[in-house]
Amino acid sequence: MKDNLEKARKEIARCDHLYNVSLKYTRTADTLKLIIKRLINSIDFAIGSLLEKLKSQEKIKQIPTLPRLRMEAMSEYFKDDEKIQQFVGFFRLLRKIDKAKSKCTQEFRRHVTMTCPVDDNEIEVTIDIIGDYYKKTKEFVEYVENLLFEKKEE
């Protein structure tokens, strides 16, 4: 449980460097794509730590290995937790963006944009949007840590 949480924190640290250092100098769609992959990994590790806790409490029999099944288990067990439901939806969106065939405009400029077709819509990912995704993922990892160690939000 703590191992997965530590892995999630390390992925967040890697995203921090990619966002604050690499993206400022490269400004490419590849860097945006790499940040999205790191965010997905971070969320997946955080979900894994929550599922490990549920298994240790004998609330679930086994931890699913496929990401889609892990999301379903999270949605099912935490159906009353609105934040978890929002983050599961966010995780689905990131995975769809990652799998979509993207095209890039204004590469090597401040307004680099990666456009991905997702569910009959075009999602545009810019430096500002990837920053929001990063903050949201960091918030999720902190929320999971609070759930795992029963910290009360202030």
N, C-alpha and C. Protein backbone atom coordinates (compact mmCIF):
# COMPACT_ATOMS: atom_id res chain seq x y z
N MET A 1 0.84 -1.19 0.00
CA MET A 1 0.00 0.00 0.00
C MET A 1 0.89 1.25 0.00
N LYS A 2 1.83 1.33 0.93
CA LYS A 2 2.72 2.49 0.99
C LYS A 2 3.65 2.51 -0.21
N ASP A 3 3.99 1.32 -0.72
CA ASP A 3 4.87 1.21 -1.88
C ASP A 3 4.22 1.87 -3.10
N ASN A 4 2.96 1.56 -3.34
CA ASN A 4 2.25 2.15 -4.47
C ASN A 4 2.08 3.66 -4.30
N LEU A 5 1.83 4.07 -3.08
CA LEU A 5 1.68 5.50 -2.82
C LEU A 5 3.00 6.23 -3.07
N GLU A 6 4.10 5.60 -2.69
CA GLU A 6 5.42 6.19 -2.93
C GLU A 6 5.70 6.27 -4.44
N LYS A 7 5.31 5.22 -5.16
CA LYS A 7 5.48 5.25 -6.63
C LYS A 7 4.64 6.37 -7.25
N ALA A 8 3.44 6.58 -6.72
CA ALA A 8 2.58 7.67 -7.21
C ALA A 8 3.24 9.02 -6.98
N ARG A 9 3.83 9.19 -5.80
CA ARG A 9 4.52 10.46 -5.49
C ARG A 9 5.72 10.68 -6.41
N LYS A 10 6.46 9.60 -6.71
CA LYS A 10 7.61 9.72 -7.60
C LYS A 10 7.18 10.10 -9.02
N GLU A 11 6.07 9.53 -9.48
CA GLU A 11 5.55 9.90 -10.80
C GLU A 11 5.12 11.37 -10.82
N ILE A 12 4.54 11.83 -9.72
CA ILE A 12 4.16 13.25 -9.61
C ILE A 12 5.41 14.13 -9.69
N ALA A 13 6.48 13.70 -9.01
CA ALA A 13 7.74 14.46 -9.05
C ALA A 13 8.30 14.50 -10.48
N ARG A 14 8.20 13.40 -11.20
CA ARG A 14 8.66 13.37 -12.59
C ARG A 14 7.81 14.31 -13.46
N CYS A 15 6.50 14.31 -13.20
CA CYS A 15 5.61 15.22 -13.94
C CYS A 15 5.96 16.67 -13.64
N ASP A 16 6.28 16.94 -12.38
CA ASP A 16 6.64 18.29 -11.98
C ASP A 16 7.85 18.78 -12.79
N HIS A 17 8.84 17.91 -12.92
CA HIS A 17 10.03 18.28 -13.69
C HIS A 17 9.69 18.43 -15.18
N LEU A 18 8.92 17.50 -15.71
CA LEU A 18 8.54 17.59 -17.12
C LEU A 18 7.77 18.88 -17.40
N TYR A 19 6.86 19.23 -16.49
CA TYR A 19 6.02 20.41 -16.69
C TYR A 19 6.81 21.70 -16.49
N ASN A 20 7.55 21.77 -15.41
CA ASN A 20 8.21 23.03 -15.06
C ASN A 20 9.56 23.24 -15.75
N VAL A 21 10.19 22.19 -16.22
CA VAL A 21 11.50 22.36 -16.86
C VAL A 21 11.46 21.94 -18.32
N SER A 22 11.21 20.67 -18.58
CA SER A 22 11.29 20.16 -19.95
C SER A 22 10.33 20.86 -20.91
N LEU A 23 9.09 21.03 -20.50
CA LEU A 23 8.09 21.61 -21.39
C LEU A 23 8.42 23.07 -21.75
N LYS A 24 9.04 23.79 -20.81
CA LYS A 24 9.40 25.18 -21.09
C LYS A 24 10.45 25.29 -22.19
N TYR A 25 11.31 24.28 -22.28
CA TYR A 25 12.38 24.35 -23.28
C TYR A 25 12.05 23.62 -24.58
N THR A 26 11.29 22.55 -24.50
CA THR A 26 11.03 21.79 -25.72
C THR A 26 9.75 22.23 -26.41
N ARG A 27 8.67 22.39 -25.65
CA ARG A 27 7.37 22.79 -26.19
C ARG A 27 6.95 21.93 -27.36
N THR A 28 6.91 20.62 -27.10
CA THR A 28 6.50 19.68 -28.14
C THR A 28 5.32 18.85 -27.67
N ALA A 29 4.61 18.27 -28.62
CA ALA A 29 3.49 17.39 -28.31
C ALA A 29 3.99 16.12 -27.62
N ASP A 30 5.21 15.70 -27.95
CA ASP A 30 5.77 14.51 -27.31
C ASP A 30 5.91 14.71 -25.80
N THR A 31 6.30 15.90 -25.40
CA THR A 31 6.43 16.19 -23.97
C THR A 31 5.05 16.20 -23.32
N LEU A 32 4.06 16.77 -23.98
CA LEU A 32 2.69 16.75 -23.46
C LEU A 32 2.22 15.31 -23.28
N LYS A 33 2.49 14.48 -24.29
CA LYS A 33 2.09 13.07 -24.26
C LYS A 33 2.77 12.34 -23.09
N LEU A 34 4.05 12.64 -22.91
CA LEU A 34 4.81 12.00 -21.82
C LEU A 34 4.26 12.41 -20.45
N ILE A 35 3.89 13.66 -20.31
CA ILE A 35 3.30 14.11 -19.04
C ILE A 35 1.99 13.38 -18.79
N ILE A 36 1.18 13.22 -19.82
CA ILE A 36 -0.09 12.50 -19.66
C ILE A 36 0.16 11.06 -19.23
N LYS A 37 1.15 10.41 -19.82
CA LYS A 37 1.48 9.03 -19.42
C LYS A 37 1.89 8.97 -17.95
N ARG A 38 2.69 9.93 -17.51
CA ARG A 38 3.12 9.97 -16.11
C ARG A 38 1.94 10.22 -15.18
N LEU A 39 1.02 11.08 -15.59
CA LEU A 39 -0.17 11.35 -14.78
C LEU A 39 -1.02 10.09 -14.65
N ILE A 40 -1.16 9.36 -15.75
CA ILE A 40 -1.92 8.10 -15.73
C ILE A 40 -1.26 7.11 -14.77
N ASN A 41 0.06 6.99 -14.86
CA ASN A 41 0.77 6.07 -13.96
C ASN A 41 0.57 6.46 -12.50
N SER A 42 0.64 7.74 -12.22
CA SER A 42 0.48 8.22 -10.85
C SER A 42 -0.90 7.88 -10.30
N ILE A 43 -1.92 8.16 -11.09
CA ILE A 43 -3.29 7.85 -10.67
C ILE A 43 -3.48 6.34 -10.49
N ASP A 44 -2.90 5.56 -11.41
CA ASP A 44 -3.02 4.11 -11.32
C ASP A 44 -2.36 3.58 -10.05
N PHE A 45 -1.19 4.11 -9.70
CA PHE A 45 -0.53 3.69 -8.46
C PHE A 45 -1.37 4.08 -7.23
N ALA A 46 -1.97 5.26 -7.25
CA ALA A 46 -2.81 5.71 -6.14
C ALA A 46 -4.04 4.81 -6.01
N ILE A 47 -4.65 4.47 -7.14
CA ILE A 47 -5.80 3.57 -7.13
C ILE A 47 -5.37 2.20 -6.58
N GLY A 48 -4.20 1.74 -7.01
CA GLY A 48 -3.68 0.46 -6.52
C GLY A 48 -3.50 0.45 -5.01
N SER A 49 -3.04 1.55 -4.44
CA SER A 49 -2.86 1.60 -2.99
C SER A 49 -4.21 1.56 -2.27
N LEU A 50 -5.23 2.23 -2.84
CA LEU A 50 -6.56 2.16 -2.23
C LEU A 50 -7.13 0.75 -2.33
N LEU A 51 -6.94 0.09 -3.46
CA LEU A 51 -7.44 -1.27 -3.62
C LEU A 51 -6.71 -2.24 -2.70
N GLU A 52 -5.42 -2.00 -2.47
CA GLU A 52 -4.67 -2.84 -1.52
C GLU A 52 -5.25 -2.71 -0.11
N LYS A 53 -5.62 -1.49 0.26
CA LYS A 53 -6.22 -1.28 1.59
C LYS A 53 -7.55 -2.02 1.69
N LEU A 54 -8.36 -1.94 0.62
CA LEU A 54 -9.64 -2.64 0.63
C LEU A 54 -9.44 -4.15 0.73
N LYS A 55 -8.41 -4.66 0.06
CA LYS A 55 -8.14 -6.09 0.13
C LYS A 55 -7.67 -6.49 1.52
N SER A 56 -6.83 -5.67 2.14
CA SER A 56 -6.35 -5.99 3.49
C SER A 56 -7.48 -5.94 4.50
N GLN A 57 -8.50 -5.13 4.23
CA GLN A 57 -9.68 -5.06 5.10
C GLN A 57 -10.73 -6.12 4.70
N GLU A 58 -10.38 -6.94 3.71
CA GLU A 58 -11.23 -8.01 3.19
C GLU A 58 -12.56 -7.49 2.64
N LYS A 59 -12.53 -6.29 2.06
CA LYS A 59 -13.72 -5.73 1.43
C LYS A 59 -13.80 -6.11 -0.03
N ILE A 60 -12.66 -6.47 -0.62
CA ILE A 60 -12.63 -7.04 -1.97
C ILE A 60 -11.77 -8.30 -1.92
N LYS A 61 -12.05 -9.24 -2.84
CA LYS A 61 -11.33 -10.51 -2.82
C LYS A 61 -9.96 -10.42 -3.49
N GLN A 62 -9.92 -9.75 -4.63
CA GLN A 62 -8.64 -9.61 -5.34
C GLN A 62 -8.56 -8.25 -6.01
N ILE A 63 -7.33 -7.84 -6.29
CA ILE A 63 -7.10 -6.56 -6.94
C ILE A 63 -7.02 -6.79 -8.45
N PRO A 64 -7.91 -6.16 -9.22
CA PRO A 64 -7.87 -6.32 -10.68
C PRO A 64 -6.55 -5.79 -11.25
N THR A 65 -6.10 -6.41 -12.31
CA THR A 65 -4.85 -5.97 -12.93
C THR A 65 -5.08 -5.01 -14.09
N LEU A 66 -6.21 -5.13 -14.77
CA LEU A 66 -6.51 -4.25 -15.90
C LEU A 66 -7.03 -2.89 -15.40
N PRO A 67 -6.53 -1.80 -15.98
CA PRO A 67 -6.95 -0.47 -15.53
C PRO A 67 -8.46 -0.25 -15.56
N ARG A 68 -9.13 -0.74 -16.60
CA ARG A 68 -10.58 -0.55 -16.70
C ARG A 68 -11.29 -1.24 -15.54
N LEU A 69 -10.85 -2.45 -15.19
CA LEU A 69 -11.46 -3.17 -14.07
C LEU A 69 -11.14 -2.50 -12.74
N ARG A 70 -9.96 -1.92 -12.63
CA ARG A 70 -9.59 -1.20 -11.41
C ARG A 70 -10.49 0.02 -11.24
N MET A 71 -10.76 0.71 -12.35
CA MET A 71 -11.65 1.88 -12.29
C MET A 71 -13.07 1.46 -11.89
N GLU A 72 -13.52 0.35 -12.45
CA GLU A 72 -14.86 -0.15 -12.11
C GLU A 72 -14.94 -0.52 -10.63
N ALA A 73 -13.90 -1.15 -10.11
CA ALA A 73 -13.88 -1.51 -8.69
C ALA A 73 -13.91 -0.26 -7.82
N MET A 74 -13.16 0.76 -8.23
CA MET A 74 -13.16 2.02 -7.48
C MET A 74 -14.54 2.67 -7.53
N SER A 75 -15.13 2.71 -8.73
CA SER A 75 -16.46 3.32 -8.88
C SER A 75 -17.50 2.58 -8.04
N GLU A 76 -17.39 1.27 -8.03
CA GLU A 76 -18.36 0.47 -7.29
C GLU A 76 -18.21 0.63 -5.78
N TYR A 77 -16.98 0.52 -5.29
CA TYR A 77 -16.79 0.57 -3.84
C TYR A 77 -16.97 1.98 -3.29
N PHE A 78 -16.53 2.98 -4.02
CA PHE A 78 -16.62 4.36 -3.55
C PHE A 78 -17.74 5.12 -4.25
N LYS A 79 -18.88 4.46 -4.45
CA LYS A 79 -19.98 5.09 -5.20
C LYS A 79 -20.57 6.30 -4.49
N ASP A 80 -20.39 6.41 -3.18
CA ASP A 80 -20.91 7.56 -2.44
C ASP A 80 -19.89 8.69 -2.33
N ASP A 81 -18.68 8.45 -2.75
CA ASP A 81 -17.61 9.46 -2.66
C ASP A 81 -17.54 10.21 -3.99
N GLU A 82 -18.06 11.42 -4.00
CA GLU A 82 -18.14 12.19 -5.25
C GLU A 82 -16.76 12.52 -5.81
N LYS A 83 -15.79 12.78 -4.93
CA LYS A 83 -14.43 13.10 -5.42
C LYS A 83 -13.83 11.91 -6.16
N ILE A 84 -13.97 10.72 -5.60
CA ILE A 84 -13.44 9.52 -6.26
C ILE A 84 -14.11 9.34 -7.62
N GLN A 85 -15.41 9.55 -7.68
CA GLN A 85 -16.14 9.40 -8.94
C GLN A 85 -15.63 10.40 -9.98
N GLN A 86 -15.35 11.64 -9.55
CA GLN A 86 -14.82 12.64 -10.48
C GLN A 86 -13.43 12.23 -10.96
N PHE A 87 -12.60 11.72 -10.05
CA PHE A 87 -11.25 11.34 -10.43
C PHE A 87 -11.24 10.12 -11.34
N VAL A 88 -12.18 9.21 -11.15
CA VAL A 88 -12.28 8.05 -12.05
C VAL A 88 -12.63 8.54 -13.46
N GLY A 89 -13.55 9.49 -13.54
CA GLY A 89 -13.89 10.08 -14.85
C GLY A 89 -12.69 10.80 -15.47
N PHE A 90 -11.94 11.51 -14.65
CA PHE A 90 -10.74 12.20 -15.12
C PHE A 90 -9.70 11.20 -15.61
N PHE A 91 -9.55 10.09 -14.88
CA PHE A 91 -8.61 9.03 -15.27
C PHE A 91 -9.00 8.44 -16.62
N ARG A 92 -10.30 8.22 -16.82
CA ARG A 92 -10.79 7.71 -18.11
C ARG A 92 -10.45 8.69 -19.24
N LEU A 93 -10.65 9.98 -18.98
CA LEU A 93 -10.34 10.98 -19.99
C LEU A 93 -8.85 10.96 -20.35
N LEU A 94 -7.99 10.91 -19.36
CA LEU A 94 -6.55 10.87 -19.62
C LEU A 94 -6.17 9.65 -20.44
N ARG A 95 -6.76 8.50 -20.12
CA ARG A 95 -6.45 7.28 -20.86
C ARG A 95 -6.92 7.39 -22.31
N LYS A 96 -8.08 8.02 -22.52
CA LYS A 96 -8.58 8.20 -23.89
C LYS A 96 -7.68 9.16 -24.68
N ILE A 97 -7.23 10.22 -24.02
CA ILE A 97 -6.32 11.16 -24.68
C ILE A 97 -5.02 10.45 -25.04
N ASP A 98 -4.53 9.62 -24.12
CA ASP A 98 -3.27 8.92 -24.35
C ASP A 98 -3.37 7.95 -25.53
N LYS A 99 -4.51 7.28 -25.67
CA LYS A 99 -4.68 6.29 -26.73
C LYS A 99 -5.05 6.91 -28.08
N ALA A 100 -5.56 8.13 -28.04
CA ALA A 100 -6.01 8.78 -29.28
C ALA A 100 -4.83 9.17 -30.16
N LYS A 101 -5.09 9.16 -31.45
CA LYS A 101 -4.08 9.62 -32.41
C LYS A 101 -4.16 11.14 -32.42
N SER A 102 -3.09 11.77 -31.98
CA SER A 102 -3.11 13.22 -31.82
C SER A 102 -2.38 13.94 -32.94
N LYS A 103 -2.74 15.18 -33.11
CA LYS A 103 -2.01 16.03 -34.05
C LYS A 103 -1.59 17.29 -33.29
N CYS A 104 -0.50 17.86 -33.72
CA CYS A 104 0.08 18.97 -33.00
C CYS A 104 0.11 20.24 -33.86
N THR A 105 -0.16 21.37 -33.22
CA THR A 105 -0.03 22.65 -33.88
C THR A 105 0.83 23.57 -33.02
N GLN A 106 1.46 24.51 -33.63
CA GLN A 106 2.31 25.50 -32.98
C GLN A 106 3.40 24.88 -32.12
N GLU A 107 3.97 23.80 -32.63
CA GLU A 107 5.04 23.14 -31.89
C GLU A 107 6.23 24.08 -31.77
N PHE A 108 6.96 23.99 -30.67
CA PHE A 108 8.13 24.81 -30.33
C PHE A 108 7.74 26.26 -30.00
N ARG A 109 6.47 26.51 -29.73
CA ARG A 109 6.02 27.83 -29.33
C ARG A 109 5.24 27.73 -28.02
N ARG A 110 4.98 28.86 -27.40
CA ARG A 110 4.29 28.91 -26.12
C ARG A 110 2.90 28.26 -26.21
N HIS A 111 2.25 28.41 -27.34
CA HIS A 111 0.88 27.90 -27.47
C HIS A 111 0.83 26.55 -28.18
N VAL A 112 1.82 25.69 -27.88
CA VAL A 112 1.81 24.36 -28.46
C VAL A 112 0.49 23.68 -28.07
N THR A 113 -0.14 23.04 -29.03
CA THR A 113 -1.44 22.42 -28.80
C THR A 113 -1.46 21.02 -29.40
N MET A 114 -1.87 20.07 -28.58
CA MET A 114 -2.05 18.70 -29.03
C MET A 114 -3.56 18.47 -29.10
N THR A 115 -4.06 18.13 -30.27
CA THR A 115 -5.49 17.91 -30.47
C THR A 115 -5.75 16.42 -30.63
N CYS A 116 -6.70 15.90 -29.84
CA CYS A 116 -7.01 14.46 -29.84
C CYS A 116 -8.51 14.25 -30.01
N PRO A 117 -8.90 13.33 -30.89
CA PRO A 117 -10.33 12.99 -30.99
C PRO A 117 -10.71 12.03 -29.86
N VAL A 118 -11.68 12.47 -29.04
CA VAL A 118 -12.14 11.66 -27.91
C VAL A 118 -13.66 11.69 -27.88
N ASP A 119 -14.28 10.53 -28.02
CA ASP A 119 -15.75 10.41 -27.96
C ASP A 119 -16.45 11.44 -28.85
N ASP A 120 -16.12 11.47 -30.12
CA ASP A 120 -16.74 12.36 -31.11
C ASP A 120 -16.50 13.85 -30.82
N ASN A 121 -15.54 14.15 -29.96
CA ASN A 121 -15.16 15.53 -29.66
C ASN A 121 -13.67 15.69 -29.93
N GLU A 122 -13.26 16.92 -30.10
CA GLU A 122 -11.84 17.22 -30.22
C GLU A 122 -11.39 17.83 -28.90
N ILE A 123 -10.45 17.19 -28.24
CA ILE A 123 -9.89 17.70 -26.99
C ILE A 123 -8.57 18.37 -27.32
N GLU A 124 -8.42 19.62 -26.91
CA GLU A 124 -7.17 20.33 -27.11
C GLU A 124 -6.40 20.35 -25.80
N VAL A 125 -5.15 19.94 -25.85
CA VAL A 125 -4.29 19.95 -24.68
C VAL A 125 -3.19 20.96 -24.92
N THR A 126 -3.16 21.99 -24.08
CA THR A 126 -2.15 23.04 -24.16
C THR A 126 -1.29 23.00 -22.90
N ILE A 127 -0.32 23.87 -22.82
CA ILE A 127 0.53 23.94 -21.62
C ILE A 127 -0.32 24.28 -20.40
N ASP A 128 -1.27 25.19 -20.53
CA ASP A 128 -2.12 25.57 -19.41
C ASP A 128 -3.02 24.41 -18.97
N ILE A 129 -3.58 23.71 -19.94
CA ILE A 129 -4.47 22.58 -19.62
C ILE A 129 -3.69 21.45 -18.97
N ILE A 130 -2.49 21.17 -19.48
CA ILE A 130 -1.68 20.10 -18.88
C ILE A 130 -1.31 20.48 -17.45
N GLY A 131 -1.14 21.77 -17.19
CA GLY A 131 -0.88 22.25 -15.83
C GLY A 131 -2.06 21.97 -14.91
N ASP A 132 -3.27 22.17 -15.43
CA ASP A 132 -4.47 21.86 -14.64
C ASP A 132 -4.57 20.37 -14.38
N TYR A 133 -4.26 19.55 -15.40
CA TYR A 133 -4.29 18.10 -15.22
C TYR A 133 -3.27 17.67 -14.16
N TYR A 134 -2.11 18.29 -14.18
CA TYR A 134 -1.06 17.99 -13.20
C TYR A 134 -1.55 18.31 -11.79
N LYS A 135 -2.13 19.50 -11.61
CA LYS A 135 -2.63 19.90 -10.29
C LYS A 135 -3.74 18.97 -9.80
N LYS A 136 -4.61 18.59 -10.72
CA LYS A 136 -5.72 17.70 -10.37
C LYS A 136 -5.20 16.32 -9.95
N THR A 137 -4.18 15.83 -10.64
CA THR A 137 -3.60 14.53 -10.30
C THR A 137 -2.91 14.59 -8.95
N LYS A 138 -2.20 15.66 -8.71
CA LYS A 138 -1.52 15.86 -7.42
C LYS A 138 -2.55 15.89 -6.29
N GLU A 139 -3.66 16.57 -6.54
CA GLU A 139 -4.75 16.64 -5.57
C GLU A 139 -5.32 15.24 -5.29
N PHE A 140 -5.45 14.44 -6.33
CA PHE A 140 -5.97 13.08 -6.17
C PHE A 140 -5.05 12.23 -5.30
N VAL A 141 -3.75 12.31 -5.56
CA VAL A 141 -2.79 11.53 -4.77
C VAL A 141 -2.85 11.95 -3.30
N GLU A 142 -2.97 13.25 -3.04
CA GLU A 142 -3.10 13.73 -1.66
C GLU A 142 -4.41 13.25 -1.04
N TYR A 143 -5.48 13.24 -1.82
CA TYR A 143 -6.77 12.77 -1.33
C TYR A 143 -6.71 11.28 -0.96
N VAL A 144 -6.05 10.50 -1.81
CA VAL A 144 -5.89 9.07 -1.53
C VAL A 144 -5.06 8.87 -0.26
N GLU A 145 -4.01 9.66 -0.12
CA GLU A 145 -3.18 9.56 1.09
C GLU A 145 -4.02 9.87 2.33
N ASN A 146 -4.89 10.88 2.24
CA ASN A 146 -5.78 11.19 3.36
C ASN A 146 -6.74 10.04 3.65
N LEU A 147 -7.26 9.41 2.61
CA LEU A 147 -8.16 8.26 2.81
C LEU A 147 -7.44 7.08 3.44
N LEU A 148 -6.22 6.84 2.99
CA LEU A 148 -5.47 5.70 3.48
C LEU A 148 -5.09 5.84 4.96
N PHE A 149 -4.73 7.04 5.32
CA PHE A 149 -4.25 7.26 6.68
C PHE A 149 -5.23 8.02 7.54
N GLU A 150 -6.49 8.07 7.06
CA GLU A 150 -7.61 8.63 7.83
C GLU A 150 -7.36 10.04 8.32
N LYS A 151 -6.73 10.88 7.49
CA LYS A 151 -6.52 12.28 7.84
C LYS A 151 -7.80 13.03 7.51
N LYS A 152 -8.16 13.94 8.36
CA LYS A 152 -9.36 14.77 8.11
C LYS A 152 -8.96 15.99 7.31
N GLU A 153 -9.78 16.33 6.30
CA GLU A 153 -9.50 17.52 5.50
C GLU A 153 -9.91 18.75 6.31
N GLU A 154 -9.09 19.78 6.18
CA GLU A 154 -9.37 21.02 6.93
C GLU A 154 -10.14 21.99 6.10
